[in-house]
Amino acid sequence: MPAPLRSPEDTEIGFAPETIAPRLARSAAHFLSYGGMMTAYLISLALAGLVAIVLWETLS
């Protein structure tokens, strides 16, 4: 069986688990540390949306 065709500029850069894991661990820790702040933001956004709907319905 012949070898697969490859471009001459192939640099053999792969994504080994040890090179990806630290970045994922950092992003997960970042997400969890700001979880409470994000929840408060989403709740306030939902309340603002409800107020906008009530105002829209009362003015129309």
PDB file of N, CA and C in Angstrom:
ATOM      1  N   MET A   1       0.856  -1.172   0.000  1.00  0.00           N
ATOM      2  CA  MET A   1       0.000   0.000   0.000  1.00  0.00           C
ATOM      3  C   MET A   1       0.902   1.235   0.000  1.00  0.00           C
ATOM      4  N   PRO A   2       0.666   2.177  -0.901  1.00  0.00           N
ATOM      5  CA  PRO A   2       1.520   3.367  -0.957  1.00  0.00           C
ATOM      6  C   PRO A   2       1.251   4.301   0.217  1.00  0.00           C
ATOM      7  N   ALA A   3       2.248   5.092   0.536  1.00  0.00           N
ATOM      8  CA  ALA A   3       2.117   6.066   1.622  1.00  0.00           C
ATOM      9  C   ALA A   3       1.141   7.164   1.202  1.00  0.00           C
ATOM     10  N   PRO A   4       0.426   7.752   2.145  1.00  0.00           N
ATOM     11  CA  PRO A   4      -0.505   8.818   1.793  1.00  0.00           C
ATOM     12  C   PRO A   4       0.233  10.034   1.248  1.00  0.00           C
ATOM     13  N   LEU A   5      -0.422  10.742   0.346  1.00  0.00           N
ATOM     14  CA  LEU A   5       0.179  11.932  -0.236  1.00  0.00           C
ATOM     15  C   LEU A   5       0.252  13.036   0.805  1.00  0.00           C
ATOM     16  N   ARG A   6       1.370  13.753   0.807  1.00  0.00           N
ATOM     17  CA  ARG A   6       1.563  14.831   1.767  1.00  0.00           C
ATOM     18  C   ARG A   6       2.135  16.035   1.056  1.00  0.00           C
ATOM     19  N   SER A   7       1.850  17.191   1.558  1.00  0.00           N
ATOM     20  CA  SER A   7       2.420  18.390   0.960  1.00  0.00           C
ATOM     21  C   SER A   7       3.869  18.528   1.410  1.00  0.00           C
ATOM     22  N   PRO A   8       4.725  19.131   0.599  1.00  0.00           N
ATOM     23  CA  PRO A   8       6.126  19.284   0.994  1.00  0.00           C
ATOM     24  C   PRO A   8       6.300  20.243   2.161  1.00  0.00           C
ATOM     25  N   GLU A   9       5.302  21.071   2.432  1.00  0.00           N
ATOM     26  CA  GLU A   9       5.419  22.035   3.525  1.00  0.00           C
ATOM     27  C   GLU A   9       4.847  21.499   4.832  1.00  0.00           C
ATOM     28  N   ASP A  10       4.571  20.222   4.900  1.00  0.00           N
ATOM     29  CA  ASP A  10       4.001  19.626   6.100  1.00  0.00           C
ATOM     30  C   ASP A  10       5.022  19.709   7.226  1.00  0.00           C
ATOM     31  N   THR A  11       4.642  20.305   8.353  1.00  0.00           N
ATOM     32  CA  THR A  11       5.591  20.521   9.445  1.00  0.00           C
ATOM     33  C   THR A  11       5.424  19.535  10.586  1.00  0.00           C
ATOM     34  N   GLU A  12       4.476  18.618  10.474  1.00  0.00           N
ATOM     35  CA  GLU A  12       4.256  17.601  11.505  1.00  0.00           C
ATOM     36  C   GLU A  12       3.903  18.215  12.857  1.00  0.00           C
ATOM     37  N   ILE A  13       3.118  19.261  12.865  1.00  0.00           N
ATOM     38  CA  ILE A  13       2.662  19.831  14.132  1.00  0.00           C
ATOM     39  C   ILE A  13       1.389  19.098  14.518  1.00  0.00           C
ATOM     40  N   GLY A  14       1.447  18.428  15.650  1.00  0.00           N
ATOM     41  CA  GLY A  14       0.283  17.671  16.094  1.00  0.00           C
ATOM     42  C   GLY A  14      -0.308  18.268  17.351  1.00  0.00           C
ATOM     43  N   PHE A  15      -1.402  17.704  17.767  1.00  0.00           N
ATOM     44  CA  PHE A  15      -2.050  18.144  18.985  1.00  0.00           C
ATOM     45  C   PHE A  15      -2.020  17.002  19.988  1.00  0.00           C
ATOM     46  N   ALA A  16      -0.926  16.889  20.681  1.00  0.00           N
ATOM     47  CA  ALA A  16      -0.783  15.851  21.692  1.00  0.00           C
ATOM     48  C   ALA A  16      -1.570  16.251  22.937  1.00  0.00           C
ATOM     49  N   PRO A  17      -2.100  15.296  23.674  1.00  0.00           N
ATOM     50  CA  PRO A  17      -2.885  15.632  24.870  1.00  0.00           C
ATOM     51  C   PRO A  17      -2.120  16.482  25.874  1.00  0.00           C
ATOM     52  N   GLU A  18      -0.831  16.268  26.005  1.00  0.00           N
ATOM     53  CA  GLU A  18      -0.080  17.049  26.987  1.00  0.00           C
ATOM     54  C   GLU A  18       0.078  18.507  26.575  1.00  0.00           C
ATOM     55  N   THR A  19      -0.072  18.809  25.292  1.00  0.00           N
ATOM     56  CA  THR A  19       0.001  20.211  24.882  1.00  0.00           C
ATOM     57  C   THR A  19      -1.356  20.889  24.956  1.00  0.00           C
ATOM     58  N   ILE A  20      -2.432  20.132  24.953  1.00  0.00           N
ATOM     59  CA  ILE A  20      -3.769  20.713  24.996  1.00  0.00           C
ATOM     60  C   ILE A  20      -4.278  20.816  26.433  1.00  0.00           C
ATOM     61  N   ALA A  21      -3.948  19.876  27.280  1.00  0.00           N
ATOM     62  CA  ALA A  21      -4.514  19.800  28.624  1.00  0.00           C
ATOM     63  C   ALA A  21      -4.307  21.060  29.458  1.00  0.00           C
ATOM     64  N   PRO A  22      -3.125  21.680  29.509  1.00  0.00           N
ATOM     65  CA  PRO A  22      -2.999  22.873  30.351  1.00  0.00           C
ATOM     66  C   PRO A  22      -3.923  24.006  29.916  1.00  0.00           C
ATOM     67  N   ARG A  23      -4.113  24.183  28.620  1.00  0.00           N
ATOM     68  CA  ARG A  23      -4.989  25.242  28.150  1.00  0.00           C
ATOM     69  C   ARG A  23      -6.436  24.963  28.558  1.00  0.00           C
ATOM     70  N   LEU A  24      -6.879  23.723  28.470  1.00  0.00           N
ATOM     71  CA  LEU A  24      -8.244  23.378  28.858  1.00  0.00           C
ATOM     72  C   LEU A  24      -8.440  23.515  30.358  1.00  0.00           C
ATOM     73  N   ALA A  25      -7.436  23.119  31.124  1.00  0.00           N
ATOM     74  CA  ALA A  25      -7.544  23.215  32.574  1.00  0.00           C
ATOM     75  C   ALA A  25      -7.635  24.678  32.998  1.00  0.00           C
ATOM     76  N   ARG A  26      -6.864  25.539  32.329  1.00  0.00           N
ATOM     77  CA  ARG A  26      -6.902  26.952  32.650  1.00  0.00           C
ATOM     78  C   ARG A  26      -8.265  27.554  32.318  1.00  0.00           C
ATOM     79  N   SER A  27      -8.814  27.193  31.181  1.00  0.00           N
ATOM     80  CA  SER A  27     -10.093  27.776  30.793  1.00  0.00           C
ATOM     81  C   SER A  27     -11.227  27.259  31.686  1.00  0.00           C
ATOM     82  N   ALA A  28     -11.156  26.018  32.109  1.00  0.00           N
ATOM     83  CA  ALA A  28     -12.182  25.488  33.009  1.00  0.00           C
ATOM     84  C   ALA A  28     -12.110  26.190  34.362  1.00  0.00           C
ATOM     85  N   ALA A  29     -10.900  26.413  34.869  1.00  0.00           N
ATOM     86  CA  ALA A  29     -10.750  27.117  36.141  1.00  0.00           C
ATOM     87  C   ALA A  29     -11.235  28.553  36.011  1.00  0.00           C
ATOM     88  N   HIS A  30     -10.955  29.164  34.885  1.00  0.00           N
ATOM     89  CA  HIS A  30     -11.406  30.536  34.645  1.00  0.00           C
ATOM     90  C   HIS A  30     -12.929  30.591  34.624  1.00  0.00           C
ATOM     91  N   PHE A  31     -13.555  29.633  33.950  1.00  0.00           N
ATOM     92  CA  PHE A  31     -15.015  29.605  33.874  1.00  0.00           C
ATOM     93  C   PHE A  31     -15.630  29.391  35.253  1.00  0.00           C
ATOM     94  N   LEU A  32     -15.072  28.485  36.026  1.00  0.00           N
ATOM     95  CA  LEU A  32     -15.647  28.190  37.332  1.00  0.00           C
ATOM     96  C   LEU A  32     -15.454  29.337  38.311  1.00  0.00           C
ATOM     97  N   SER A  33     -14.352  30.077  38.193  1.00  0.00           N
ATOM     98  CA  SER A  33     -14.119  31.168  39.128  1.00  0.00           C
ATOM     99  C   SER A  33     -15.061  32.337  38.874  1.00  0.00           C
ATOM    100  N   TYR A  34     -15.519  32.494  37.641  1.00  0.00           N
ATOM    101  CA  TYR A  34     -16.443  33.574  37.321  1.00  0.00           C
ATOM    102  C   TYR A  34     -17.877  33.080  37.172  1.00  0.00           C
ATOM    103  N   GLY A  35     -18.174  31.905  37.668  1.00  0.00           N
ATOM    104  CA  GLY A  35     -19.507  31.339  37.526  1.00  0.00           C
ATOM    105  C   GLY A  35     -20.577  32.147  38.227  1.00  0.00           C
ATOM    106  N   GLY A  36     -20.301  32.612  39.438  1.00  0.00           N
ATOM    107  CA  GLY A  36     -21.279  33.404  40.179  1.00  0.00           C
ATOM    108  C   GLY A  36     -21.555  34.727  39.511  1.00  0.00           C
ATOM    109  N   MET A  37     -20.506  35.360  39.005  1.00  0.00           N
ATOM    110  CA  MET A  37     -20.667  36.639  38.328  1.00  0.00           C
ATOM    111  C   MET A  37     -21.477  36.468  37.041  1.00  0.00           C
ATOM    112  N   MET A  38     -21.228  35.384  36.330  1.00  0.00           N
ATOM    113  CA  MET A  38     -21.960  35.127  35.087  1.00  0.00           C
ATOM    114  C   MET A  38     -23.426  34.849  35.384  1.00  0.00           C
ATOM    115  N   THR A  39     -23.710  34.136  36.467  1.00  0.00           N
ATOM    116  CA  THR A  39     -25.096  33.856  36.841  1.00  0.00           C
ATOM    117  C   THR A  39     -25.834  35.149  37.162  1.00  0.00           C
ATOM    118  N   ALA A  40     -25.194  36.037  37.910  1.00  0.00           N
ATOM    119  CA  ALA A  40     -25.820  37.319  38.236  1.00  0.00           C
ATOM    120  C   ALA A  40     -26.071  38.134  36.976  1.00  0.00           C
ATOM    121  N   TYR A  41     -25.137  38.102  36.049  1.00  0.00           N
ATOM    122  CA  TYR A  41     -25.303  38.827  34.784  1.00  0.00           C
ATOM    123  C   TYR A  41     -26.485  38.272  33.991  1.00  0.00           C
ATOM    124  N   LEU A  42     -26.586  36.956  33.899  1.00  0.00           N
ATOM    125  CA  LEU A  42     -27.676  36.348  33.137  1.00  0.00           C
ATOM    126  C   LEU A  42     -29.035  36.611  33.776  1.00  0.00           C
ATOM    127  N   ILE A  43     -29.092  36.595  35.102  1.00  0.00           N
ATOM    128  CA  ILE A  43     -30.355  36.884  35.785  1.00  0.00           C
ATOM    129  C   ILE A  43     -30.763  38.328  35.545  1.00  0.00           C
ATOM    130  N   SER A  44     -29.810  39.256  35.638  1.00  0.00           N
ATOM    131  CA  SER A  44     -30.148  40.661  35.402  1.00  0.00           C
ATOM    132  C   SER A  44     -30.544  40.893  33.952  1.00  0.00           C
ATOM    133  N   LEU A  45     -29.927  40.181  33.032  1.00  0.00           N
ATOM    134  CA  LEU A  45     -30.296  40.295  31.623  1.00  0.00           C
ATOM    135  C   LEU A  45     -31.718  39.784  31.388  1.00  0.00           C
ATOM    136  N   ALA A  46     -32.070  38.685  32.037  1.00  0.00           N
ATOM    137  CA  ALA A  46     -33.427  38.145  31.908  1.00  0.00           C
ATOM    138  C   ALA A  46     -34.453  39.101  32.508  1.00  0.00           C
ATOM    139  N   LEU A  47     -34.131  39.697  33.650  1.00  0.00           N
ATOM    140  CA  LEU A  47     -35.055  40.655  34.260  1.00  0.00           C
ATOM    141  C   LEU A  47     -35.221  41.895  33.389  1.00  0.00           C
ATOM    142  N   ALA A  48     -34.141  42.365  32.799  1.00  0.00           N
ATOM    143  CA  ALA A  48     -34.229  43.520  31.896  1.00  0.00           C
ATOM    144  C   ALA A  48     -35.094  43.182  30.688  1.00  0.00           C
ATOM    145  N   GLY A  49     -34.990  41.966  30.194  1.00  0.00           N
ATOM    146  CA  GLY A  49     -35.830  41.539  29.081  1.00  0.00           C
ATOM    147  C   GLY A  49     -37.299  41.505  29.463  1.00  0.00           C
ATOM    148  N   LEU A  50     -37.589  41.015  30.656  1.00  0.00           N
ATOM    149  CA  LEU A  50     -38.979  40.985  31.118  1.00  0.00           C
ATOM    150  C   LEU A  50     -39.545  42.391  31.284  1.00  0.00           C
ATOM    151  N   VAL A  51     -38.741  43.303  31.813  1.00  0.00           N
ATOM    152  CA  VAL A  51     -39.183  44.690  31.956  1.00  0.00           C
ATOM    153  C   VAL A  51     -39.448  45.296  30.587  1.00  0.00           C
ATOM    154  N   ALA A  52     -38.580  45.016  29.625  1.00  0.00           N
ATOM    155  CA  ALA A  52     -38.775  45.536  28.271  1.00  0.00           C
ATOM    156  C   ALA A  52     -40.061  44.993  27.657  1.00  0.00           C
ATOM    157  N   ILE A  53     -40.361  43.727  27.880  1.00  0.00           N
ATOM    158  CA  ILE A  53     -41.598  43.133  27.350  1.00  0.00           C
ATOM    159  C   ILE A  53     -42.822  43.777  27.997  1.00  0.00           C
ATOM    160  N   VAL A  54     -42.781  43.970  29.315  1.00  0.00           N
ATOM    161  CA  VAL A  54     -43.910  44.592  30.013  1.00  0.00           C
ATOM    162  C   VAL A  54     -44.121  46.013  29.508  1.00  0.00           C
ATOM    163  N   LEU A  55     -43.050  46.781  29.354  1.00  0.00           N
ATOM    164  CA  LEU A  55     -43.175  48.146  28.839  1.00  0.00           C
ATOM    165  C   LEU A  55     -43.722  48.148  27.419  1.00  0.00           C
ATOM    166  N   TRP A  56     -43.241  47.241  26.607  1.00  0.00           N
ATOM    167  CA  TRP A  56     -43.708  47.161  25.215  1.00  0.00           C
ATOM    168  C   TRP A  56     -45.211  46.854  25.158  1.00  0.00           C
ATOM    169  N   GLU A  57     -45.644  45.932  26.003  1.00  0.00           N
ATOM    170  CA  GLU A  57     -47.057  45.548  26.006  1.00  0.00           C
ATOM    171  C   GLU A  57     -47.951  46.659  26.559  1.00  0.00           C
ATOM    172  N   THR A  58     -47.480  47.388  27.559  1.00  0.00           N
ATOM    173  CA  THR A  58     -48.312  48.447  28.135  1.00  0.00           C
ATOM    174  C   THR A  58     -48.380  49.671  27.224  1.00  0.00           C
ATOM    175  N   LEU A  59     -47.357  49.937  26.465  1.00  0.00           N
ATOM    176  CA  LEU A  59     -47.340  51.112  25.591  1.00  0.00           C
ATOM    177  C   LEU A  59     -47.978  50.852  24.236  1.00  0.00           C
ATOM    178  N   SER A  60     -48.232  49.610  23.910  1.00  0.00           N
ATOM    179  CA  SER A  60     -48.821  49.345  22.588  1.00  0.00           C
ATOM    180  C   SER A  60     -50.297  49.003  22.668  1.00  0.00           C
TER     181      SER A  60
END
